Amino acid sequence: MIKDAQFVRGALDLTQLPEAIMPEIAFVGRSNVGKSTFINRLTNRKKLAKTSSTPGRTREINYFEIRGDFEEIGEQKFFLVDLPGFGYAKMSKQLQKQIQNFMIDYIQNRDSLKVICLLNDIRRDPGEEELELRDFCFRNGKHLLVIVTKSDKVKRNDLKKRAKIISQRYHLEPEDLYLTGEKEATKSFWERVNPLLF
């Protein structure tokens, strides 16, 4: 599926972004929600995106160039983008605002950005920030997918219950969510994303 994945660069403002020559899929969520882990899983690379147990570690927009060979559409290249986490209380308000403004500018002005994946810890109901981001993406005409992470942290019997609660908060159906703990989640993820990305 994914043939090659390379880190391109980290950017602290829009002027540092790579040239918009390929479609982009971005990942966003609260600090320590598991973005880097999910990116590594999607690309079948253990250390492509740096994982950390320290919330608020990612402060740049990190770009990865991906080359994939997909069953329906053949070989494609695109950028996979890891956005800074939000909602980390120990980060200064000034830095939080700076990162927030950067992400707003990126989502509003990056025409090559086709899909935004909003990651949500299965143990946590969507908060104000998540719902505001959902609305902001819709207003700016961006496709939004909700990815539920850390499903291994709850009992198997509670998975459906938690998925239902989270989906209701986002005004979605439970089947619209992607649970990262599912075996087939990676394949079904690309099947869902590719028509939006290319």
N, C-alpha and C. Protein backbone atom coordinates (compact mmCIF):
# COMPACT_ATOMS: atom_id res chain seq x y z
N MET A 1 0.84 -1.20 0.00
CA MET A 1 0.00 0.00 0.00
C MET A 1 0.87 1.26 0.00
N ILE A 2 1.58 1.53 1.11
CA ILE A 2 2.50 2.67 1.16
C ILE A 2 3.89 2.17 0.79
N LYS A 3 4.44 2.72 -0.29
CA LYS A 3 5.73 2.25 -0.81
C LYS A 3 6.91 3.04 -0.23
N ASP A 4 6.69 4.34 0.02
CA ASP A 4 7.79 5.16 0.52
C ASP A 4 7.22 6.30 1.35
N ALA A 5 7.92 6.68 2.40
CA ALA A 5 7.50 7.78 3.27
C ALA A 5 8.74 8.48 3.80
N GLN A 6 8.82 9.77 3.54
CA GLN A 6 10.00 10.55 3.93
C GLN A 6 9.59 11.84 4.62
N PHE A 7 10.30 12.19 5.70
CA PHE A 7 10.10 13.49 6.33
C PHE A 7 10.65 14.57 5.40
N VAL A 8 9.86 15.62 5.18
CA VAL A 8 10.27 16.71 4.29
C VAL A 8 10.81 17.88 5.08
N ARG A 9 9.97 18.44 5.96
CA ARG A 9 10.40 19.57 6.78
C ARG A 9 9.35 19.90 7.83
N GLY A 10 9.78 20.66 8.83
CA GLY A 10 8.86 21.24 9.80
C GLY A 10 8.74 22.73 9.52
N ALA A 11 7.56 23.28 9.70
CA ALA A 11 7.32 24.69 9.40
C ALA A 11 6.70 25.39 10.59
N LEU A 12 7.16 26.62 10.85
CA LEU A 12 6.63 27.42 11.95
C LEU A 12 5.73 28.55 11.46
N ASP A 13 5.72 28.77 10.14
CA ASP A 13 4.77 29.73 9.56
C ASP A 13 4.54 29.34 8.10
N LEU A 14 3.58 30.01 7.47
CA LEU A 14 3.17 29.63 6.12
C LEU A 14 4.28 29.77 5.09
N THR A 15 5.21 30.68 5.33
CA THR A 15 6.30 30.90 4.36
C THR A 15 7.25 29.72 4.30
N GLN A 16 7.24 28.86 5.33
CA GLN A 16 8.15 27.72 5.38
C GLN A 16 7.53 26.44 4.83
N LEU A 17 6.27 26.49 4.43
CA LEU A 17 5.62 25.29 3.89
C LEU A 17 6.22 24.92 2.54
N PRO A 18 6.28 23.63 2.22
CA PRO A 18 6.76 23.23 0.90
C PRO A 18 5.80 23.69 -0.19
N GLU A 19 6.29 23.74 -1.41
CA GLU A 19 5.46 24.15 -2.53
C GLU A 19 4.25 23.23 -2.64
N ALA A 20 3.09 23.81 -2.91
CA ALA A 20 1.83 23.05 -2.94
C ALA A 20 1.68 22.31 -4.27
N ILE A 21 2.49 21.28 -4.46
CA ILE A 21 2.51 20.56 -5.73
C ILE A 21 1.77 19.23 -5.67
N MET A 22 1.33 18.85 -4.45
CA MET A 22 0.63 17.57 -4.27
C MET A 22 -0.53 17.77 -3.30
N PRO A 23 -1.55 16.92 -3.38
CA PRO A 23 -2.64 17.00 -2.40
C PRO A 23 -2.12 16.69 -1.00
N GLU A 24 -2.82 17.23 0.01
CA GLU A 24 -2.38 17.07 1.39
C GLU A 24 -3.50 16.53 2.27
N ILE A 25 -3.12 15.67 3.20
CA ILE A 25 -4.03 15.20 4.24
C ILE A 25 -3.39 15.53 5.58
N ALA A 26 -4.14 16.22 6.44
CA ALA A 26 -3.58 16.70 7.71
C ALA A 26 -4.23 15.99 8.89
N PHE A 27 -3.44 15.86 9.96
CA PHE A 27 -3.89 15.20 11.18
C PHE A 27 -3.80 16.19 12.34
N VAL A 28 -4.89 16.29 13.10
CA VAL A 28 -4.95 17.27 14.18
C VAL A 28 -5.71 16.66 15.36
N GLY A 29 -5.41 17.14 16.56
CA GLY A 29 -6.09 16.66 17.75
C GLY A 29 -5.42 17.20 18.99
N ARG A 30 -5.94 16.82 20.12
CA ARG A 30 -5.35 17.27 21.39
C ARG A 30 -3.93 16.73 21.54
N SER A 31 -3.15 17.44 22.36
CA SER A 31 -1.81 16.97 22.67
C SER A 31 -1.86 15.56 23.23
N ASN A 32 -0.98 14.71 22.73
CA ASN A 32 -0.86 13.33 23.20
C ASN A 32 -2.06 12.46 22.86
N VAL A 33 -2.79 12.82 21.78
CA VAL A 33 -3.95 12.02 21.37
C VAL A 33 -3.54 10.79 20.57
N GLY A 34 -2.29 10.80 20.09
CA GLY A 34 -1.79 9.65 19.33
C GLY A 34 -1.64 9.90 17.85
N LYS A 35 -1.44 11.17 17.46
CA LYS A 35 -1.29 11.49 16.04
C LYS A 35 -0.09 10.81 15.42
N SER A 36 1.06 10.96 16.08
CA SER A 36 2.29 10.39 15.51
C SER A 36 2.22 8.88 15.42
N THR A 37 1.65 8.24 16.43
CA THR A 37 1.49 6.79 16.42
C THR A 37 0.61 6.35 15.26
N PHE A 38 -0.47 7.08 15.03
CA PHE A 38 -1.39 6.73 13.94
C PHE A 38 -0.74 6.95 12.58
N ILE A 39 0.02 8.04 12.44
CA ILE A 39 0.73 8.30 11.18
C ILE A 39 1.71 7.17 10.90
N ASN A 40 2.45 6.74 11.91
CA ASN A 40 3.40 5.64 11.73
C ASN A 40 2.68 4.36 11.32
N ARG A 41 1.51 4.13 11.89
CA ARG A 41 0.75 2.93 11.54
C ARG A 41 0.24 2.99 10.11
N LEU A 42 -0.29 4.15 9.72
CA LEU A 42 -0.82 4.31 8.36
C LEU A 42 0.24 4.11 7.30
N THR A 43 1.45 4.56 7.60
CA THR A 43 2.54 4.49 6.63
C THR A 43 3.39 3.24 6.79
N ASN A 44 3.05 2.41 7.80
CA ASN A 44 3.81 1.19 8.07
C ASN A 44 5.28 1.48 8.35
N ARG A 45 5.50 2.58 9.08
CA ARG A 45 6.85 2.98 9.50
C ARG A 45 6.84 3.16 11.00
N LYS A 46 7.84 2.61 11.67
CA LYS A 46 7.86 2.67 13.14
C LYS A 46 8.27 4.04 13.67
N LYS A 47 9.13 4.74 12.94
CA LYS A 47 9.68 5.98 13.48
C LYS A 47 9.59 7.15 12.51
N LEU A 48 8.61 7.13 11.60
CA LEU A 48 8.49 8.24 10.66
C LEU A 48 8.14 9.52 11.41
N ALA A 49 7.05 9.49 12.15
CA ALA A 49 6.68 10.62 13.00
C ALA A 49 7.15 10.33 14.41
N LYS A 50 7.75 11.31 15.05
CA LYS A 50 8.29 11.11 16.39
C LYS A 50 7.15 11.05 17.40
N THR A 51 7.14 9.98 18.19
CA THR A 51 6.13 9.85 19.24
C THR A 51 6.74 10.31 20.56
N SER A 52 5.89 10.83 21.43
CA SER A 52 6.36 11.33 22.72
C SER A 52 5.29 11.15 23.77
N SER A 53 5.72 10.83 24.99
CA SER A 53 4.77 10.76 26.10
C SER A 53 4.57 12.14 26.73
N THR A 54 5.31 13.13 26.23
CA THR A 54 5.21 14.49 26.75
C THR A 54 4.23 15.30 25.91
N PRO A 55 3.08 15.71 26.47
CA PRO A 55 2.13 16.50 25.70
C PRO A 55 2.74 17.82 25.24
N GLY A 56 2.29 18.31 24.08
CA GLY A 56 2.74 19.60 23.59
C GLY A 56 4.08 19.57 22.91
N ARG A 57 4.58 18.39 22.58
CA ARG A 57 5.92 18.27 21.99
C ARG A 57 5.95 18.81 20.56
N THR A 58 4.92 18.47 19.76
CA THR A 58 4.89 18.90 18.36
C THR A 58 4.40 20.34 18.28
N ARG A 59 5.28 21.26 17.85
CA ARG A 59 4.90 22.67 17.76
C ARG A 59 5.01 23.19 16.34
N GLU A 60 5.50 22.37 15.45
CA GLU A 60 5.61 22.74 14.04
C GLU A 60 4.54 22.00 13.25
N ILE A 61 4.32 22.45 12.03
CA ILE A 61 3.58 21.66 11.06
C ILE A 61 4.61 20.78 10.36
N ASN A 62 4.52 19.48 10.55
CA ASN A 62 5.51 18.55 10.00
C ASN A 62 4.98 17.89 8.74
N TYR A 63 5.78 17.99 7.67
CA TYR A 63 5.40 17.46 6.35
C TYR A 63 6.13 16.16 6.05
N PHE A 64 5.38 15.19 5.53
CA PHE A 64 5.94 13.92 5.08
C PHE A 64 5.48 13.68 3.65
N GLU A 65 6.41 13.31 2.78
CA GLU A 65 6.04 12.97 1.40
C GLU A 65 5.79 11.47 1.32
N ILE A 66 4.62 11.10 0.83
CA ILE A 66 4.20 9.70 0.79
C ILE A 66 4.01 9.25 -0.66
N ARG A 67 4.51 8.06 -0.95
CA ARG A 67 4.25 7.44 -2.25
C ARG A 67 3.52 6.13 -1.98
N GLY A 68 2.31 6.04 -2.50
CA GLY A 68 1.50 4.84 -2.27
C GLY A 68 1.08 4.20 -3.57
N ASP A 69 0.82 2.91 -3.52
CA ASP A 69 0.29 2.17 -4.67
C ASP A 69 -1.02 1.56 -4.21
N PHE A 70 -2.13 2.11 -4.73
CA PHE A 70 -3.45 1.73 -4.25
C PHE A 70 -4.19 0.92 -5.30
N GLU A 71 -4.99 -0.02 -4.83
CA GLU A 71 -5.67 -0.99 -5.69
C GLU A 71 -6.50 -0.32 -6.78
N GLU A 72 -7.28 0.68 -6.40
CA GLU A 72 -8.23 1.29 -7.34
C GLU A 72 -7.59 2.33 -8.25
N ILE A 73 -6.59 3.07 -7.74
CA ILE A 73 -6.09 4.25 -8.47
C ILE A 73 -4.62 4.19 -8.83
N GLY A 74 -3.94 3.12 -8.47
CA GLY A 74 -2.53 2.98 -8.83
C GLY A 74 -1.61 3.82 -7.95
N GLU A 75 -0.46 4.18 -8.50
CA GLU A 75 0.56 4.89 -7.72
C GLU A 75 0.23 6.38 -7.62
N GLN A 76 0.34 6.90 -6.41
CA GLN A 76 0.04 8.30 -6.15
C GLN A 76 1.05 8.86 -5.15
N LYS A 77 1.30 10.17 -5.26
CA LYS A 77 2.13 10.87 -4.28
C LYS A 77 1.29 11.95 -3.61
N PHE A 78 1.56 12.15 -2.32
CA PHE A 78 0.85 13.19 -1.59
C PHE A 78 1.63 13.57 -0.34
N PHE A 79 1.24 14.69 0.27
CA PHE A 79 1.83 15.10 1.54
C PHE A 79 0.92 14.68 2.69
N LEU A 80 1.52 14.09 3.71
CA LEU A 80 0.84 13.80 4.95
C LEU A 80 1.37 14.81 5.97
N VAL A 81 0.46 15.50 6.67
CA VAL A 81 0.84 16.65 7.50
C VAL A 81 0.42 16.42 8.95
N ASP A 82 1.40 16.51 9.85
CA ASP A 82 1.17 16.36 11.29
C ASP A 82 1.10 17.76 11.91
N LEU A 83 -0.10 18.17 12.34
CA LEU A 83 -0.30 19.49 12.92
C LEU A 83 -0.03 19.47 14.43
N PRO A 84 0.34 20.62 15.01
CA PRO A 84 0.58 20.67 16.46
C PRO A 84 -0.67 20.30 17.25
N GLY A 85 -0.46 19.68 18.41
CA GLY A 85 -1.59 19.36 19.27
C GLY A 85 -2.12 20.61 19.96
N PHE A 86 -3.38 20.56 20.36
CA PHE A 86 -3.95 21.71 21.07
C PHE A 86 -4.47 21.27 22.43
N GLY A 87 -4.76 22.26 23.29
CA GLY A 87 -5.34 21.96 24.59
C GLY A 87 -4.35 21.55 25.66
N TYR A 88 -3.05 21.86 25.46
CA TYR A 88 -2.05 21.51 26.47
C TYR A 88 -1.92 22.67 27.46
N ALA A 89 -2.37 22.46 28.70
CA ALA A 89 -2.50 23.53 29.68
C ALA A 89 -1.17 24.17 30.07
N LYS A 90 -0.08 23.39 30.06
CA LYS A 90 1.20 23.93 30.53
C LYS A 90 1.91 24.78 29.49
N MET A 91 1.41 24.80 28.26
CA MET A 91 1.99 25.66 27.23
C MET A 91 1.52 27.10 27.48
N SER A 92 2.41 28.06 27.31
CA SER A 92 2.03 29.46 27.55
C SER A 92 0.89 29.87 26.63
N LYS A 93 0.05 30.79 27.12
CA LYS A 93 -1.09 31.25 26.33
C LYS A 93 -0.64 31.91 25.04
N GLN A 94 0.49 32.60 25.11
CA GLN A 94 1.03 33.27 23.92
C GLN A 94 1.40 32.24 22.85
N LEU A 95 2.06 31.16 23.28
CA LEU A 95 2.45 30.12 22.33
C LEU A 95 1.22 29.38 21.80
N GLN A 96 0.25 29.12 22.68
CA GLN A 96 -0.99 28.47 22.24
C GLN A 96 -1.68 29.30 21.16
N LYS A 97 -1.74 30.61 21.38
CA LYS A 97 -2.39 31.51 20.42
C LYS A 97 -1.62 31.54 19.11
N GLN A 98 -0.30 31.54 19.20
CA GLN A 98 0.55 31.56 18.00
C GLN A 98 0.30 30.30 17.16
N ILE A 99 0.27 29.15 17.81
CA ILE A 99 0.04 27.88 17.11
C ILE A 99 -1.37 27.85 16.53
N GLN A 100 -2.35 28.33 17.31
CA GLN A 100 -3.74 28.36 16.84
C GLN A 100 -3.88 29.21 15.59
N ASN A 101 -3.27 30.39 15.59
CA ASN A 101 -3.36 31.28 14.43
C ASN A 101 -2.69 30.67 13.21
N PHE A 102 -1.57 29.99 13.43
CA PHE A 102 -0.85 29.32 12.35
C PHE A 102 -1.74 28.24 11.72
N MET A 103 -2.39 27.44 12.56
CA MET A 103 -3.25 26.37 12.05
C MET A 103 -4.47 26.93 11.32
N ILE A 104 -5.03 28.03 11.84
CA ILE A 104 -6.17 28.67 11.17
C ILE A 104 -5.75 29.15 9.78
N ASP A 105 -4.60 29.82 9.71
CA ASP A 105 -4.09 30.30 8.42
C ASP A 105 -3.87 29.14 7.46
N TYR A 106 -3.32 28.05 7.97
CA TYR A 106 -3.03 26.89 7.14
C TYR A 106 -4.32 26.30 6.57
N ILE A 107 -5.30 26.06 7.42
CA ILE A 107 -6.56 25.45 6.97
C ILE A 107 -7.29 26.36 6.00
N GLN A 108 -7.30 27.66 6.28
CA GLN A 108 -8.02 28.61 5.43
C GLN A 108 -7.36 28.81 4.07
N ASN A 109 -6.04 28.83 4.04
CA ASN A 109 -5.33 29.32 2.85
C ASN A 109 -4.62 28.25 2.04
N ARG A 110 -4.56 27.03 2.51
CA ARG A 110 -3.82 25.99 1.80
C ARG A 110 -4.77 25.24 0.87
N ASP A 111 -4.81 25.63 -0.38
CA ASP A 111 -5.74 25.04 -1.34
C ASP A 111 -5.47 23.56 -1.59
N SER A 112 -4.22 23.14 -1.43
CA SER A 112 -3.87 21.74 -1.67
C SER A 112 -4.29 20.83 -0.51
N LEU A 113 -4.74 21.42 0.60
CA LEU A 113 -5.23 20.63 1.74
C LEU A 113 -6.63 20.10 1.40
N LYS A 114 -6.74 18.80 1.26
CA LYS A 114 -8.00 18.17 0.83
C LYS A 114 -8.78 17.52 1.96
N VAL A 115 -8.07 16.93 2.93
CA VAL A 115 -8.72 16.17 4.00
C VAL A 115 -8.07 16.51 5.33
N ILE A 116 -8.90 16.69 6.36
CA ILE A 116 -8.40 16.89 7.72
C ILE A 116 -8.93 15.76 8.59
N CYS A 117 -8.02 15.08 9.26
CA CYS A 117 -8.38 14.00 10.18
C CYS A 117 -8.30 14.53 11.61
N LEU A 118 -9.42 14.54 12.29
CA LEU A 118 -9.49 15.01 13.67
C LEU A 118 -9.46 13.79 14.58
N LEU A 119 -8.40 13.68 15.38
CA LEU A 119 -8.23 12.52 16.25
C LEU A 119 -8.83 12.79 17.62
N ASN A 120 -9.53 11.80 18.15
CA ASN A 120 -10.23 11.93 19.42
C ASN A 120 -9.97 10.69 20.27
N ASP A 121 -9.40 10.87 21.45
CA ASP A 121 -9.18 9.78 22.40
C ASP A 121 -10.53 9.17 22.78
N ILE A 122 -10.64 7.85 22.68
CA ILE A 122 -11.92 7.18 22.93
C ILE A 122 -12.42 7.39 24.36
N ARG A 123 -11.51 7.71 25.28
CA ARG A 123 -11.91 7.89 26.68
C ARG A 123 -12.43 9.29 26.96
N ARG A 124 -12.35 10.17 25.96
CA ARG A 124 -12.68 11.58 26.18
C ARG A 124 -13.77 12.04 25.22
N ASP A 125 -14.81 12.66 25.76
CA ASP A 125 -15.84 13.24 24.90
C ASP A 125 -15.26 14.44 24.15
N PRO A 126 -15.71 14.70 22.92
CA PRO A 126 -15.24 15.88 22.19
C PRO A 126 -15.52 17.15 22.99
N GLY A 127 -14.50 18.01 23.07
CA GLY A 127 -14.65 19.27 23.80
C GLY A 127 -14.95 20.43 22.88
N GLU A 128 -14.94 21.61 23.45
CA GLU A 128 -15.24 22.82 22.69
C GLU A 128 -14.28 23.00 21.53
N GLU A 129 -12.98 22.73 21.78
CA GLU A 129 -11.98 22.91 20.71
C GLU A 129 -12.25 22.01 19.53
N GLU A 130 -12.58 20.73 19.80
CA GLU A 130 -12.85 19.79 18.71
C GLU A 130 -14.06 20.23 17.89
N LEU A 131 -15.12 20.63 18.58
CA LEU A 131 -16.35 21.01 17.88
C LEU A 131 -16.17 22.31 17.10
N GLU A 132 -15.38 23.24 17.64
CA GLU A 132 -15.08 24.47 16.91
C GLU A 132 -14.26 24.17 15.66
N LEU A 133 -13.31 23.24 15.80
CA LEU A 133 -12.49 22.86 14.66
C LEU A 133 -13.34 22.18 13.59
N ARG A 134 -14.25 21.32 14.01
CA ARG A 134 -15.17 20.68 13.06
C ARG A 134 -15.94 21.73 12.26
N ASP A 135 -16.52 22.69 12.97
CA ASP A 135 -17.30 23.74 12.31
C ASP A 135 -16.43 24.59 11.39
N PHE A 136 -15.19 24.88 11.84
CA PHE A 136 -14.27 25.70 11.05
C PHE A 136 -13.91 24.99 9.74
N CYS A 137 -13.67 23.69 9.82
CA CYS A 137 -13.35 22.92 8.61
C CYS A 137 -14.52 22.93 7.63
N PHE A 138 -15.72 22.74 8.15
CA PHE A 138 -16.91 22.75 7.29
C PHE A 138 -17.09 24.11 6.62
N ARG A 139 -16.89 25.17 7.39
CA ARG A 139 -17.05 26.53 6.83
C ARG A 139 -16.05 26.80 5.72
N ASN A 140 -14.89 26.16 5.81
CA ASN A 140 -13.84 26.38 4.82
C ASN A 140 -13.80 25.31 3.74
N GLY A 141 -14.83 24.49 3.68
CA GLY A 141 -14.97 23.53 2.61
C GLY A 141 -13.97 22.39 2.63
N LYS A 142 -13.49 22.01 3.83
CA LYS A 142 -12.53 20.92 3.95
C LYS A 142 -13.24 19.64 4.39
N HIS A 143 -12.87 18.52 3.77
CA HIS A 143 -13.40 17.22 4.20
C HIS A 143 -12.83 16.88 5.57
N LEU A 144 -13.69 16.47 6.49
CA LEU A 144 -13.26 16.15 7.85
C LEU A 144 -13.61 14.70 8.18
N LEU A 145 -12.62 13.97 8.69
CA LEU A 145 -12.83 12.60 9.17
C LEU A 145 -12.46 12.55 10.65
N VAL A 146 -13.27 11.87 11.45
CA VAL A 146 -12.98 11.72 12.88
C VAL A 146 -12.38 10.35 13.13
N ILE A 147 -11.18 10.35 13.69
CA ILE A 147 -10.45 9.12 13.98
C ILE A 147 -10.43 8.92 15.50
N VAL A 148 -10.93 7.79 15.97
CA VAL A 148 -10.97 7.51 17.41
C VAL A 148 -9.73 6.69 17.78
N THR A 149 -8.90 7.26 18.66
CA THR A 149 -7.64 6.62 19.03
C THR A 149 -7.73 5.95 20.40
N LYS A 150 -6.70 5.14 20.67
CA LYS A 150 -6.50 4.50 21.97
C LYS A 150 -7.68 3.61 22.38
N SER A 151 -8.25 2.93 21.39
CA SER A 151 -9.38 2.03 21.68
C SER A 151 -8.94 0.84 22.53
N ASP A 152 -7.62 0.60 22.61
CA ASP A 152 -7.12 -0.48 23.45
C ASP A 152 -7.16 -0.10 24.94
N LYS A 153 -7.48 1.16 25.23
CA LYS A 153 -7.49 1.63 26.62
C LYS A 153 -8.83 1.42 27.31
N VAL A 154 -9.84 0.98 26.56
CA VAL A 154 -11.15 0.71 27.18
C VAL A 154 -11.50 -0.76 26.99
N LYS A 155 -12.39 -1.25 27.83
CA LYS A 155 -12.83 -2.64 27.73
C LYS A 155 -13.58 -2.86 26.42
N ARG A 156 -13.45 -4.05 25.90
CA ARG A 156 -14.07 -4.38 24.61
C ARG A 156 -15.58 -4.10 24.62
N ASN A 157 -16.22 -4.38 25.73
CA ASN A 157 -17.67 -4.17 25.84
C ASN A 157 -18.05 -2.70 25.80
N ASP A 158 -17.09 -1.82 26.12
CA ASP A 158 -17.38 -0.38 26.16
C ASP A 158 -17.09 0.32 24.84
N LEU A 159 -16.49 -0.38 23.88
CA LEU A 159 -16.10 0.26 22.62
C LEU A 159 -17.29 0.87 21.89
N LYS A 160 -18.33 0.07 21.69
CA LYS A 160 -19.50 0.55 20.95
C LYS A 160 -20.19 1.70 21.68
N LYS A 161 -20.25 1.59 23.00
CA LYS A 161 -20.89 2.63 23.80
C LYS A 161 -20.14 3.96 23.65
N ARG A 162 -18.82 3.90 23.76
CA ARG A 162 -18.01 5.12 23.64
C ARG A 162 -18.07 5.67 22.22
N ALA A 163 -18.03 4.80 21.22
CA ALA A 163 -18.10 5.26 19.83
C ALA A 163 -19.43 5.96 19.56
N LYS A 164 -20.50 5.44 20.14
CA LYS A 164 -21.82 6.05 19.95
C LYS A 164 -21.88 7.43 20.58
N ILE A 165 -21.35 7.56 21.79
CA ILE A 165 -21.35 8.86 22.47
C ILE A 165 -20.54 9.89 21.70
N ILE A 166 -19.35 9.49 21.25
CA ILE A 166 -18.49 10.41 20.50
C ILE A 166 -19.13 10.81 19.18
N SER A 167 -19.68 9.85 18.48
CA SER A 167 -20.31 10.16 17.18
C SER A 167 -21.49 11.11 17.35
N GLN A 168 -22.26 10.93 18.41
CA GLN A 168 -23.40 11.82 18.66
C GLN A 168 -22.95 13.26 18.90
N ARG A 169 -21.84 13.42 19.60
CA ARG A 169 -21.31 14.76 19.88
C ARG A 169 -20.89 15.46 18.59
N TYR A 170 -20.39 14.67 17.64
CA TYR A 170 -19.97 15.25 16.35
C TYR A 170 -21.12 15.30 15.34
N HIS A 171 -22.31 14.81 15.74
CA HIS A 171 -23.45 14.70 14.84
C HIS A 171 -23.14 13.78 13.66
N LEU A 172 -22.55 12.63 14.00
CA LEU A 172 -22.21 11.60 13.02
C LEU A 172 -22.87 10.29 13.43
N GLU A 173 -22.81 9.32 12.53
CA GLU A 173 -23.21 7.96 12.85
C GLU A 173 -21.97 7.20 13.35
N PRO A 174 -22.14 6.21 14.25
CA PRO A 174 -20.97 5.46 14.75
C PRO A 174 -20.11 4.87 13.64
N GLU A 175 -20.74 4.44 12.54
CA GLU A 175 -19.96 3.84 11.44
C GLU A 175 -19.14 4.87 10.67
N ASP A 176 -19.39 6.16 10.91
CA ASP A 176 -18.59 7.21 10.27
C ASP A 176 -17.24 7.38 10.95
N LEU A 177 -17.10 6.85 12.17
CA LEU A 177 -15.84 6.97 12.90
C LEU A 177 -14.87 5.87 12.47
N TYR A 178 -13.58 6.13 12.69
CA TYR A 178 -12.55 5.11 12.45
C TYR A 178 -11.87 4.80 13.78
N LEU A 179 -11.93 3.53 14.19
CA LEU A 179 -11.27 3.10 15.42
C LEU A 179 -9.89 2.59 15.08
N THR A 180 -8.86 3.20 15.65
CA THR A 180 -7.49 2.86 15.26
C THR A 180 -7.07 1.48 15.72
N GLY A 181 -7.81 0.87 16.63
CA GLY A 181 -7.44 -0.45 17.10
C GLY A 181 -7.92 -1.58 16.21
N GLU A 182 -8.76 -1.26 15.23
CA GLU A 182 -9.30 -2.31 14.36
C GLU A 182 -8.25 -2.78 13.36
N LYS A 183 -8.23 -4.09 13.11
CA LYS A 183 -7.25 -4.66 12.18
C LYS A 183 -7.37 -4.06 10.79
N GLU A 184 -8.58 -3.91 10.31
CA GLU A 184 -8.80 -3.44 8.95
C GLU A 184 -8.87 -1.92 8.85
N ALA A 185 -8.63 -1.22 9.96
CA ALA A 185 -8.81 0.24 9.95
C ALA A 185 -7.90 0.93 8.95
N THR A 186 -6.65 0.45 8.82
CA THR A 186 -5.71 1.10 7.90
C THR A 186 -6.19 0.99 6.46
N LYS A 187 -6.59 -0.20 6.04
CA LYS A 187 -7.06 -0.40 4.68
C LYS A 187 -8.34 0.41 4.42
N SER A 188 -9.29 0.33 5.34
CA SER A 188 -10.55 1.05 5.16
C SER A 188 -10.34 2.56 5.20
N PHE A 189 -9.32 2.99 5.95
CA PHE A 189 -9.01 4.42 6.00
C PHE A 189 -8.62 4.93 4.63
N TRP A 190 -7.67 4.25 3.97
CA TRP A 190 -7.23 4.71 2.65
C TRP A 190 -8.35 4.58 1.62
N GLU A 191 -9.18 3.56 1.75
CA GLU A 191 -10.31 3.41 0.82
C GLU A 191 -11.27 4.59 0.95
N ARG A 192 -11.44 5.09 2.15
CA ARG A 192 -12.33 6.23 2.38
C ARG A 192 -11.68 7.55 1.94
N VAL A 193 -10.39 7.68 2.20
CA VAL A 193 -9.70 8.95 1.98
C VAL A 193 -9.35 9.19 0.51
N ASN A 194 -8.94 8.16 -0.20
CA ASN A 194 -8.41 8.36 -1.56
C ASN A 194 -9.34 9.12 -2.50
N PRO A 195 -10.65 8.82 -2.53
CA PRO A 195 -11.53 9.60 -3.43
C PRO A 195 -11.58 11.09 -3.08
N LEU A 196 -11.32 11.43 -1.82
CA LEU A 196 -11.32 12.83 -1.40
C LEU A 196 -9.99 13.50 -1.66
N LEU A 197 -8.93 12.69 -1.66
CA LEU A 197 -7.58 13.22 -1.76
C LEU A 197 -7.15 13.45 -3.20
N PHE A 198 -7.59 12.55 -4.12
CA PHE A 198 -7.09 12.62 -5.50
C PHE A 198 -8.21 12.97 -6.48
